[in-house]
Amino acid sequence: MDNTENWSDKEWKTFAKWLRGLLDTTVVNVTFIKKDGATRIMKCTLKPELLPEVVLNEEKIPRRQSSSTMAVYDLDADGWRSFTLASITSIEFSIK
């Protein structure tokens, strides 16, 4: 993605909200640069019918949410993963 290094906090929040809305409704291929410098393409979603059933554990301490990362369900790895929003290089999705 171009010129994201100059984005304001408001622009990052708008982008995160847009991406979350997209993930809530469809499968998205997110390409990003991992911390080790490798490029990764993740087929992911937050679409409820594609997520595994959640078992609640009241003793487990909830994780702190970050405004710079996004947790998603990786369909190929069959598990929860996250990426840093600023590391995204492309987003692909289909409208059906």
PDB file of N, CA and C in Angstrom:
ATOM      1  N   MET A   1       0.858  -1.169   0.000  1.00  0.00           N
ATOM      2  CA  MET A   1       0.000   0.000   0.000  1.00  0.00           C
ATOM      3  C   MET A   1       0.905   1.234   0.000  1.00  0.00           C
ATOM      4  N   ASP A   2       0.514   2.257  -0.694  1.00  0.00           N
ATOM      5  CA  ASP A   2       1.359   3.426  -0.874  1.00  0.00           C
ATOM      6  C   ASP A   2       1.064   4.515   0.150  1.00  0.00           C
ATOM      7  N   ASN A   3       2.108   5.181   0.581  1.00  0.00           N
ATOM      8  CA  ASN A   3       2.028   6.374   1.430  1.00  0.00           C
ATOM      9  C   ASN A   3       1.391   6.158   2.791  1.00  0.00           C
ATOM     10  N   THR A   4       1.332   4.920   3.257  1.00  0.00           N
ATOM     11  CA  THR A   4       0.715   4.682   4.560  1.00  0.00           C
ATOM     12  C   THR A   4       1.573   5.194   5.710  1.00  0.00           C
ATOM     13  N   GLU A   5       2.869   5.368   5.468  1.00  0.00           N
ATOM     14  CA  GLU A   5       3.736   5.858   6.542  1.00  0.00           C
ATOM     15  C   GLU A   5       3.357   7.274   6.972  1.00  0.00           C
ATOM     16  N   ASN A   6       2.596   7.969   6.144  1.00  0.00           N
ATOM     17  CA  ASN A   6       2.173   9.332   6.472  1.00  0.00           C
ATOM     18  C   ASN A   6       0.737   9.406   6.980  1.00  0.00           C
ATOM     19  N   TRP A   7       0.099   8.256   7.168  1.00  0.00           N
ATOM     20  CA  TRP A   7      -1.286   8.268   7.615  1.00  0.00           C
ATOM     21  C   TRP A   7      -1.391   8.771   9.057  1.00  0.00           C
ATOM     22  N   SER A   8      -2.462   9.497   9.325  1.00  0.00           N
ATOM     23  CA  SER A   8      -2.764   9.950  10.686  1.00  0.00           C
ATOM     24  C   SER A   8      -3.417   8.812  11.465  1.00  0.00           C
ATOM     25  N   ASP A   9      -3.528   8.973  12.767  1.00  0.00           N
ATOM     26  CA  ASP A   9      -4.225   7.969  13.584  1.00  0.00           C
ATOM     27  C   ASP A   9      -5.658   7.777  13.112  1.00  0.00           C
ATOM     28  N   LYS A  10      -6.300   8.853  12.711  1.00  0.00           N
ATOM     29  CA  LYS A  10      -7.685   8.777  12.223  1.00  0.00           C
ATOM     30  C   LYS A  10      -7.757   7.928  10.953  1.00  0.00           C
ATOM     31  N   GLU A  11      -6.801   8.103  10.048  1.00  0.00           N
ATOM     32  CA  GLU A  11      -6.793   7.321   8.812  1.00  0.00           C
ATOM     33  C   GLU A  11      -6.545   5.841   9.096  1.00  0.00           C
ATOM     34  N   TRP A  12      -5.648   5.525  10.046  1.00  0.00           N
ATOM     35  CA  TRP A  12      -5.415   4.125  10.418  1.00  0.00           C
ATOM     36  C   TRP A  12      -6.667   3.517  11.034  1.00  0.00           C
ATOM     37  N   LYS A  13      -7.367   4.274  11.867  1.00  0.00           N
ATOM     38  CA  LYS A  13      -8.603   3.767  12.479  1.00  0.00           C
ATOM     39  C   LYS A  13      -9.673   3.521  11.421  1.00  0.00           C
ATOM     40  N   THR A  14      -9.779   4.416  10.450  1.00  0.00           N
ATOM     41  CA  THR A  14     -10.737   4.244   9.358  1.00  0.00           C
ATOM     42  C   THR A  14     -10.398   3.005   8.541  1.00  0.00           C
ATOM     43  N   PHE A  15      -9.117   2.818   8.238  1.00  0.00           N
ATOM     44  CA  PHE A  15      -8.678   1.641   7.488  1.00  0.00           C
ATOM     45  C   PHE A  15      -8.974   0.362   8.264  1.00  0.00           C
ATOM     46  N   ALA A  16      -8.664   0.348   9.561  1.00  0.00           N
ATOM     47  CA  ALA A  16      -8.911  -0.840  10.389  1.00  0.00           C
ATOM     48  C   ALA A  16     -10.397  -1.161  10.443  1.00  0.00           C
ATOM     49  N   LYS A  17     -11.235  -0.139  10.563  1.00  0.00           N
ATOM     50  CA  LYS A  17     -12.680  -0.340  10.600  1.00  0.00           C
ATOM     51  C   LYS A  17     -13.174  -0.904   9.265  1.00  0.00           C
ATOM     52  N   TRP A  18     -12.670  -0.375   8.154  1.00  0.00           N
ATOM     53  CA  TRP A  18     -13.049  -0.869   6.825  1.00  0.00           C
ATOM     54  C   TRP A  18     -12.629  -2.327   6.658  1.00  0.00           C
ATOM     55  N   LEU A  19     -11.387  -2.648   7.032  1.00  0.00           N
ATOM     56  CA  LEU A  19     -10.885  -4.007   6.886  1.00  0.00           C
ATOM     57  C   LEU A  19     -11.664  -4.972   7.773  1.00  0.00           C
ATOM     58  N   ARG A  20     -11.972  -4.581   9.006  1.00  0.00           N
ATOM     59  CA  ARG A  20     -12.756  -5.439   9.896  1.00  0.00           C
ATOM     60  C   ARG A  20     -14.144  -5.695   9.313  1.00  0.00           C
ATOM     61  N   GLY A  21     -14.759  -4.683   8.746  1.00  0.00           N
ATOM     62  CA  GLY A  21     -16.066  -4.858   8.113  1.00  0.00           C
ATOM     63  C   GLY A  21     -16.000  -5.821   6.947  1.00  0.00           C
ATOM     64  N   LEU A  22     -14.936  -5.728   6.180  1.00  0.00           N
ATOM     65  CA  LEU A  22     -14.726  -6.643   5.060  1.00  0.00           C
ATOM     66  C   LEU A  22     -14.544  -8.068   5.563  1.00  0.00           C
ATOM     67  N   LEU A  23     -13.703  -8.245   6.568  1.00  0.00           N
ATOM     68  CA  LEU A  23     -13.440  -9.569   7.141  1.00  0.00           C
ATOM     69  C   LEU A  23     -14.686 -10.163   7.791  1.00  0.00           C
ATOM     70  N   ASP A  24     -15.569  -9.321   8.308  1.00  0.00           N
ATOM     71  CA  ASP A  24     -16.816  -9.795   8.927  1.00  0.00           C
ATOM     72  C   ASP A  24     -17.780 -10.393   7.905  1.00  0.00           C
ATOM     73  N   THR A  25     -17.573 -10.077   6.622  1.00  0.00           N
ATOM     74  CA  THR A  25     -18.538 -10.491   5.607  1.00  0.00           C
ATOM     75  C   THR A  25     -17.996 -11.438   4.550  1.00  0.00           C
ATOM     76  N   THR A  26     -16.677 -11.586   4.448  1.00  0.00           N
ATOM     77  CA  THR A  26     -16.115 -12.408   3.372  1.00  0.00           C
ATOM     78  C   THR A  26     -14.724 -12.925   3.733  1.00  0.00           C
ATOM     79  N   VAL A  27     -14.166 -13.720   2.841  1.00  0.00           N
ATOM     80  CA  VAL A  27     -12.797 -14.218   2.980  1.00  0.00           C
ATOM     81  C   VAL A  27     -11.879 -13.236   2.256  1.00  0.00           C
ATOM     82  N   VAL A  28     -10.773 -12.894   2.893  1.00  0.00           N
ATOM     83  CA  VAL A  28      -9.844 -11.898   2.361  1.00  0.00           C
ATOM     84  C   VAL A  28      -8.444 -12.501   2.313  1.00  0.00           C
ATOM     85  N   ASN A  29      -7.739 -12.272   1.220  1.00  0.00           N
ATOM     86  CA  ASN A  29      -6.325 -12.627   1.139  1.00  0.00           C
ATOM     87  C   ASN A  29      -5.524 -11.380   1.480  1.00  0.00           C
ATOM     88  N   VAL A  30      -4.848 -11.416   2.624  1.00  0.00           N
ATOM     89  CA  VAL A  30      -4.060 -10.288   3.081  1.00  0.00           C
ATOM     90  C   VAL A  30      -2.584 -10.630   2.877  1.00  0.00           C
ATOM     91  N   THR A  31      -1.884  -9.810   2.126  1.00  0.00           N
ATOM     92  CA  THR A  31      -0.449  -9.977   1.949  1.00  0.00           C
ATOM     93  C   THR A  31       0.234  -8.963   2.852  1.00  0.00           C
ATOM     94  N   PHE A  32       1.201  -9.431   3.632  1.00  0.00           N
ATOM     95  CA  PHE A  32       1.894  -8.543   4.549  1.00  0.00           C
ATOM     96  C   PHE A  32       3.337  -9.006   4.732  1.00  0.00           C
ATOM     97  N   ILE A  33       4.139  -8.137   5.302  1.00  0.00           N
ATOM     98  CA  ILE A  33       5.537  -8.441   5.589  1.00  0.00           C
ATOM     99  C   ILE A  33       5.624  -8.859   7.055  1.00  0.00           C
ATOM    100  N   LYS A  34       6.104 -10.098   7.277  1.00  0.00           N
ATOM    101  CA  LYS A  34       6.263 -10.601   8.636  1.00  0.00           C
ATOM    102  C   LYS A  34       7.422  -9.880   9.325  1.00  0.00           C
ATOM    103  N   LYS A  35       7.507 -10.016  10.636  1.00  0.00           N
ATOM    104  CA  LYS A  35       8.559  -9.357  11.406  1.00  0.00           C
ATOM    105  C   LYS A  35       9.950  -9.782  10.968  1.00  0.00           C
ATOM    106  N   ASP A  36      10.067 -11.021  10.438  1.00  0.00           N
ATOM    107  CA  ASP A  36      11.381 -11.491   9.977  1.00  0.00           C
ATOM    108  C   ASP A  36      11.708 -11.028   8.560  1.00  0.00           C
ATOM    109  N   GLY A  37      10.819 -10.241   7.942  1.00  0.00           N
ATOM    110  CA  GLY A  37      11.045  -9.709   6.609  1.00  0.00           C
ATOM    111  C   GLY A  37      10.445 -10.528   5.483  1.00  0.00           C
ATOM    112  N   ALA A  38       9.941 -11.713   5.793  1.00  0.00           N
ATOM    113  CA  ALA A  38       9.335 -12.572   4.775  1.00  0.00           C
ATOM    114  C   ALA A  38       7.941 -12.057   4.408  1.00  0.00           C
ATOM    115  N   THR A  39       7.552 -12.288   3.161  1.00  0.00           N
ATOM    116  CA  THR A  39       6.206 -11.932   2.705  1.00  0.00           C
ATOM    117  C   THR A  39       5.274 -13.107   2.962  1.00  0.00           C
ATOM    118  N   ARG A  40       4.099 -12.826   3.470  1.00  0.00           N
ATOM    119  CA  ARG A  40       3.114 -13.876   3.759  1.00  0.00           C
ATOM    120  C   ARG A  40       1.778 -13.486   3.167  1.00  0.00           C
ATOM    121  N   ILE A  41       1.098 -14.454   2.568  1.00  0.00           N
ATOM    122  CA  ILE A  41      -0.275 -14.265   2.096  1.00  0.00           C
ATOM    123  C   ILE A  41      -1.164 -15.118   2.989  1.00  0.00           C
ATOM    124  N   MET A  42      -2.110 -14.476   3.668  1.00  0.00           N
ATOM    125  CA  MET A  42      -2.988 -15.175   4.597  1.00  0.00           C
ATOM    126  C   MET A  42      -4.427 -15.111   4.091  1.00  0.00           C
ATOM    127  N   LYS A  43      -5.034 -16.274   3.934  1.00  0.00           N
ATOM    128  CA  LYS A  43      -6.449 -16.377   3.579  1.00  0.00           C
ATOM    129  C   LYS A  43      -7.209 -16.357   4.901  1.00  0.00           C
ATOM    130  N   CYS A  44      -7.880 -15.253   5.191  1.00  0.00           N
ATOM    131  CA  CYS A  44      -8.447 -15.085   6.521  1.00  0.00           C
ATOM    132  C   CYS A  44      -9.849 -14.493   6.489  1.00  0.00           C
ATOM    133  N   THR A  45     -10.498 -14.551   7.648  1.00  0.00           N
ATOM    134  CA  THR A  45     -11.860 -14.041   7.771  1.00  0.00           C
ATOM    135  C   THR A  45     -12.200 -13.788   9.231  1.00  0.00           C
ATOM    136  N   LEU A  46     -13.299 -13.085   9.431  1.00  0.00           N
ATOM    137  CA  LEU A  46     -13.965 -12.954  10.725  1.00  0.00           C
ATOM    138  C   LEU A  46     -15.455 -13.250  10.553  1.00  0.00           C
ATOM    139  N   LYS A  47     -15.808 -13.828   9.404  1.00  0.00           N
ATOM    140  CA  LYS A  47     -17.195 -14.158   9.098  1.00  0.00           C
ATOM    141  C   LYS A  47     -17.665 -15.231  10.085  1.00  0.00           C
ATOM    142  N   PRO A  48     -18.691 -14.936  10.894  1.00  0.00           N
ATOM    143  CA  PRO A  48     -19.089 -15.833  11.986  1.00  0.00           C
ATOM    144  C   PRO A  48     -19.308 -17.286  11.592  1.00  0.00           C
ATOM    145  N   GLU A  49     -19.947 -17.542  10.459  1.00  0.00           N
ATOM    146  CA  GLU A  49     -20.234 -18.936  10.089  1.00  0.00           C
ATOM    147  C   GLU A  49     -18.986 -19.714   9.667  1.00  0.00           C
ATOM    148  N   LEU A  50     -17.852 -19.025   9.475  1.00  0.00           N
ATOM    149  CA  LEU A  50     -16.611 -19.707   9.110  1.00  0.00           C
ATOM    150  C   LEU A  50     -15.648 -19.863  10.286  1.00  0.00           C
ATOM    151  N   LEU A  51     -16.030 -19.323  11.443  1.00  0.00           N
ATOM    152  CA  LEU A  51     -15.176 -19.386  12.628  1.00  0.00           C
ATOM    153  C   LEU A  51     -15.483 -20.631  13.455  1.00  0.00           C
ATOM    154  N   PRO A  52     -14.483 -21.136  14.185  1.00  0.00           N
ATOM    155  CA  PRO A  52     -14.734 -22.296  15.044  1.00  0.00           C
ATOM    156  C   PRO A  52     -15.595 -21.890  16.239  1.00  0.00           C
ATOM    157  N   GLU A  53     -16.223 -22.880  16.822  1.00  0.00           N
ATOM    158  CA  GLU A  53     -17.038 -22.630  18.014  1.00  0.00           C
ATOM    159  C   GLU A  53     -16.133 -22.198  19.157  1.00  0.00           C
ATOM    160  N   VAL A  54     -16.567 -21.196  19.893  1.00  0.00           N
ATOM    161  CA  VAL A  54     -15.779 -20.660  20.996  1.00  0.00           C
ATOM    162  C   VAL A  54     -16.226 -21.301  22.300  1.00  0.00           C
ATOM    163  N   VAL A  55     -15.260 -21.833  23.040  1.00  0.00           N
ATOM    164  CA  VAL A  55     -15.531 -22.377  24.364  1.00  0.00           C
ATOM    165  C   VAL A  55     -15.075 -21.331  25.382  1.00  0.00           C
ATOM    166  N   LEU A  56     -16.015 -20.858  26.175  1.00  0.00           N
ATOM    167  CA  LEU A  56     -15.699 -19.811  27.144  1.00  0.00           C
ATOM    168  C   LEU A  56     -14.998 -20.397  28.359  1.00  0.00           C
ATOM    169  N   ASN A  57     -13.956 -19.723  28.788  1.00  0.00           N
ATOM    170  CA  ASN A  57     -13.216 -20.088  29.985  1.00  0.00           C
ATOM    171  C   ASN A  57     -13.134 -18.832  30.842  1.00  0.00           C
ATOM    172  N   GLU A  58     -13.951 -18.781  31.888  1.00  0.00           N
ATOM    173  CA  GLU A  58     -14.029 -17.578  32.709  1.00  0.00           C
ATOM    174  C   GLU A  58     -12.739 -17.299  33.473  1.00  0.00           C
ATOM    175  N   GLU A  59     -11.886 -18.307  33.635  1.00  0.00           N
ATOM    176  CA  GLU A  59     -10.633 -18.114  34.359  1.00  0.00           C
ATOM    177  C   GLU A  59      -9.543 -17.500  33.488  1.00  0.00           C
ATOM    178  N   LYS A  60      -9.699 -17.602  32.179  1.00  0.00           N
ATOM    179  CA  LYS A  60      -8.699 -17.085  31.262  1.00  0.00           C
ATOM    180  C   LYS A  60      -8.784 -15.564  31.206  1.00  0.00           C
ATOM    181  N   ILE A  61      -7.642 -14.916  31.315  1.00  0.00           N
ATOM    182  CA  ILE A  61      -7.583 -13.460  31.271  1.00  0.00           C
ATOM    183  C   ILE A  61      -7.651 -13.017  29.808  1.00  0.00           C
ATOM    184  N   PRO A  62      -8.582 -12.115  29.472  1.00  0.00           N
ATOM    185  CA  PRO A  62      -8.694 -11.664  28.082  1.00  0.00           C
ATOM    186  C   PRO A  62      -7.443 -10.908  27.638  1.00  0.00           C
ATOM    187  N   ARG A  63      -7.093 -11.087  26.366  1.00  0.00           N
ATOM    188  CA  ARG A  63      -5.935 -10.375  25.819  1.00  0.00           C
ATOM    189  C   ARG A  63      -6.271  -8.910  25.621  1.00  0.00           C
ATOM    190  N   ARG A  64      -5.246  -8.101  25.749  1.00  0.00           N
ATOM    191  CA  ARG A  64      -5.385  -6.666  25.499  1.00  0.00           C
ATOM    192  C   ARG A  64      -5.493  -6.451  23.996  1.00  0.00           C
ATOM    193  N   GLN A  65      -6.443  -5.638  23.568  1.00  0.00           N
ATOM    194  CA  GLN A  65      -6.612  -5.365  22.150  1.00  0.00           C
ATOM    195  C   GLN A  65      -5.696  -4.226  21.732  1.00  0.00           C
ATOM    196  N   SER A  66      -5.118  -4.364  20.554  1.00  0.00           N
ATOM    197  CA  SER A  66      -4.205  -3.367  20.025  1.00  0.00           C
ATOM    198  C   SER A  66      -4.851  -2.647  18.849  1.00  0.00           C
ATOM    199  N   SER A  67      -4.554  -1.382  18.699  1.00  0.00           N
ATOM    200  CA  SER A  67      -5.088  -0.642  17.559  1.00  0.00           C
ATOM    201  C   SER A  67      -4.183  -0.784  16.334  1.00  0.00           C
ATOM    202  N   SER A  68      -2.986  -1.360  16.512  1.00  0.00           N
ATOM    203  CA  SER A  68      -2.059  -1.481  15.392  1.00  0.00           C
ATOM    204  C   SER A  68      -2.009  -2.888  14.799  1.00  0.00           C
ATOM    205  N   THR A  69      -2.655  -3.854  15.450  1.00  0.00           N
ATOM    206  CA  THR A  69      -2.691  -5.223  14.927  1.00  0.00           C
ATOM    207  C   THR A  69      -4.135  -5.681  14.789  1.00  0.00           C
ATOM    208  N   MET A  70      -4.322  -6.744  14.004  1.00  0.00           N
ATOM    209  CA  MET A  70      -5.655  -7.297  13.832  1.00  0.00           C
ATOM    210  C   MET A  70      -5.580  -8.811  13.949  1.00  0.00           C
ATOM    211  N   ALA A  71      -6.414  -9.368  14.820  1.00  0.00           N
ATOM    212  CA  ALA A  71      -6.526 -10.817  14.961  1.00  0.00           C
ATOM    213  C   ALA A  71      -7.584 -11.313  13.992  1.00  0.00           C
ATOM    214  N   VAL A  72      -7.247 -12.376  13.253  1.00  0.00           N
ATOM    215  CA  VAL A  72      -8.137 -12.946  12.251  1.00  0.00           C
ATOM    216  C   VAL A  72      -8.055 -14.462  12.319  1.00  0.00           C
ATOM    217  N   TYR A  73      -9.005 -15.129  11.675  1.00  0.00           N
ATOM    218  CA  TYR A  73      -8.956 -16.585  11.604  1.00  0.00           C
ATOM    219  C   TYR A  73      -8.330 -16.968  10.271  1.00  0.00           C
ATOM    220  N   ASP A  74      -7.189 -17.652  10.324  1.00  0.00           N
ATOM    221  CA  ASP A  74      -6.461 -18.105   9.138  1.00  0.00           C
ATOM    222  C   ASP A  74      -7.087 -19.418   8.678  1.00  0.00           C
ATOM    223  N   LEU A  75      -7.741 -19.401   7.533  1.00  0.00           N
ATOM    224  CA  LEU A  75      -8.458 -20.577   7.044  1.00  0.00           C
ATOM    225  C   LEU A  75      -7.520 -21.704   6.617  1.00  0.00           C
ATOM    226  N   ASP A  76      -6.337 -21.377   6.100  1.00  0.00           N
ATOM    227  CA  ASP A  76      -5.389 -22.415   5.688  1.00  0.00           C
ATOM    228  C   ASP A  76      -4.706 -23.066   6.887  1.00  0.00           C
ATOM    229  N   ALA A  77      -4.354 -22.269   7.885  1.00  0.00           N
ATOM    230  CA  ALA A  77      -3.690 -22.794   9.077  1.00  0.00           C
ATOM    231  C   ALA A  77      -4.695 -23.326  10.096  1.00  0.00           C
ATOM    232  N   ASP A  78      -5.989 -23.022   9.879  1.00  0.00           N
ATOM    233  CA  ASP A  78      -7.060 -23.449  10.780  1.00  0.00           C
ATOM    234  C   ASP A  78      -6.797 -22.990  12.214  1.00  0.00           C
ATOM    235  N   GLY A  79      -6.494 -21.687  12.329  1.00  0.00           N
ATOM    236  CA  GLY A  79      -6.230 -21.136  13.658  1.00  0.00           C
ATOM    237  C   GLY A  79      -6.201 -19.620  13.633  1.00  0.00           C
ATOM    238  N   TRP A  80      -6.181 -19.053  14.816  1.00  0.00           N
ATOM    239  CA  TRP A  80      -6.160 -17.602  14.968  1.00  0.00           C
ATOM    240  C   TRP A  80      -4.745 -17.090  14.771  1.00  0.00           C
ATOM    241  N   ARG A  81      -4.612 -16.012  14.001  1.00  0.00           N
ATOM    242  CA  ARG A  81      -3.334 -15.370  13.736  1.00  0.00           C
ATOM    243  C   ARG A  81      -3.568 -13.863  13.762  1.00  0.00           C
ATOM    244  N   SER A  82      -2.478 -13.119  13.758  1.00  0.00           N
ATOM    245  CA  SER A  82      -2.608 -11.664  13.700  1.00  0.00           C
ATOM    246  C   SER A  82      -1.505 -11.076  12.832  1.00  0.00           C
ATOM    247  N   PHE A  83      -1.732  -9.857  12.402  1.00  0.00           N
ATOM    248  CA  PHE A  83      -0.737  -9.130  11.623  1.00  0.00           C
ATOM    249  C   PHE A  83      -0.813  -7.661  12.016  1.00  0.00           C
ATOM    250  N   THR A  84       0.267  -6.963  11.749  1.00  0.00           N
ATOM    251  CA  THR A  84       0.331  -5.532  11.998  1.00  0.00           C
ATOM    252  C   THR A  84      -0.263  -4.813  10.792  1.00  0.00           C
ATOM    253  N   LEU A  85      -1.171  -3.911  11.026  1.00  0.00           N
ATOM    254  CA  LEU A  85      -1.848  -3.208   9.937  1.00  0.00           C
ATOM    255  C   LEU A  85      -0.852  -2.499   9.011  1.00  0.00           C
ATOM    256  N   ALA A  86       0.172  -1.890   9.574  1.00  0.00           N
ATOM    257  CA  ALA A  86       1.134  -1.143   8.762  1.00  0.00           C
ATOM    258  C   ALA A  86       1.992  -2.040   7.883  1.00  0.00           C
ATOM    259  N   SER A  87       1.988  -3.361   8.147  1.00  0.00           N
ATOM    260  CA  SER A  87       2.810  -4.279   7.356  1.00  0.00           C
ATOM    261  C   SER A  87       2.076  -4.809   6.126  1.00  0.00           C
ATOM    262  N   ILE A  88       0.796  -4.467   5.965  1.00  0.00           N
ATOM    263  CA  ILE A  88      -0.003  -4.951   4.836  1.00  0.00           C
ATOM    264  C   ILE A  88       0.490  -4.301   3.542  1.00  0.00           C
ATOM    265  N   THR A  89       0.686  -5.156   2.516  1.00  0.00           N
ATOM    266  CA  THR A  89       1.084  -4.651   1.203  1.00  0.00           C
ATOM    267  C   THR A  89      -0.043  -4.774   0.186  1.00  0.00           C
ATOM    268  N   SER A  90      -0.973  -5.704   0.384  1.00  0.00           N
ATOM    269  CA  SER A  90      -2.136  -5.792  -0.504  1.00  0.00           C
ATOM    270  C   SER A  90      -3.264  -6.562   0.152  1.00  0.00           C
ATOM    271  N   ILE A  91      -4.464  -6.315  -0.354  1.00  0.00           N
ATOM    272  CA  ILE A  91      -5.676  -6.980   0.117  1.00  0.00           C
ATOM    273  C   ILE A  91      -6.469  -7.386  -1.111  1.00  0.00           C
ATOM    274  N   GLU A  92      -6.881  -8.673  -1.157  1.00  0.00           N
ATOM    275  CA  GLU A  92      -7.677  -9.158  -2.278  1.00  0.00           C
ATOM    276  C   GLU A  92      -8.925  -9.840  -1.735  1.00  0.00           C
ATOM    277  N   PHE A  93     -10.053  -9.595  -2.395  1.00  0.00           N
ATOM    278  CA  PHE A  93     -11.310 -10.225  -1.996  1.00  0.00           C
ATOM    279  C   PHE A  93     -12.242 -10.245  -3.198  1.00  0.00           C
ATOM    280  N   SER A  94     -13.239 -11.113  -3.131  1.00  0.00           N
ATOM    281  CA  SER A  94     -14.240 -11.208  -4.180  1.00  0.00           C
ATOM    282  C   SER A  94     -15.588 -10.774  -3.648  1.00  0.00           C
ATOM    283  N   ILE A  95     -16.357 -10.167  -4.505  1.00  0.00           N
ATOM    284  CA  ILE A  95     -17.724  -9.774  -4.158  1.00  0.00           C
ATOM    285  C   ILE A  95     -18.640 -10.795  -4.807  1.00  0.00           C
ATOM    286  N   LYS A  96     -19.408 -11.479  -4.000  1.00  0.00           N
ATOM    287  CA  LYS A  96     -20.318 -12.508  -4.531  1.00  0.00           C
ATOM    288  C   LYS A  96     -21.727 -12.227  -4.122  1.00  0.00           C
TER     289      LYS A  96
END
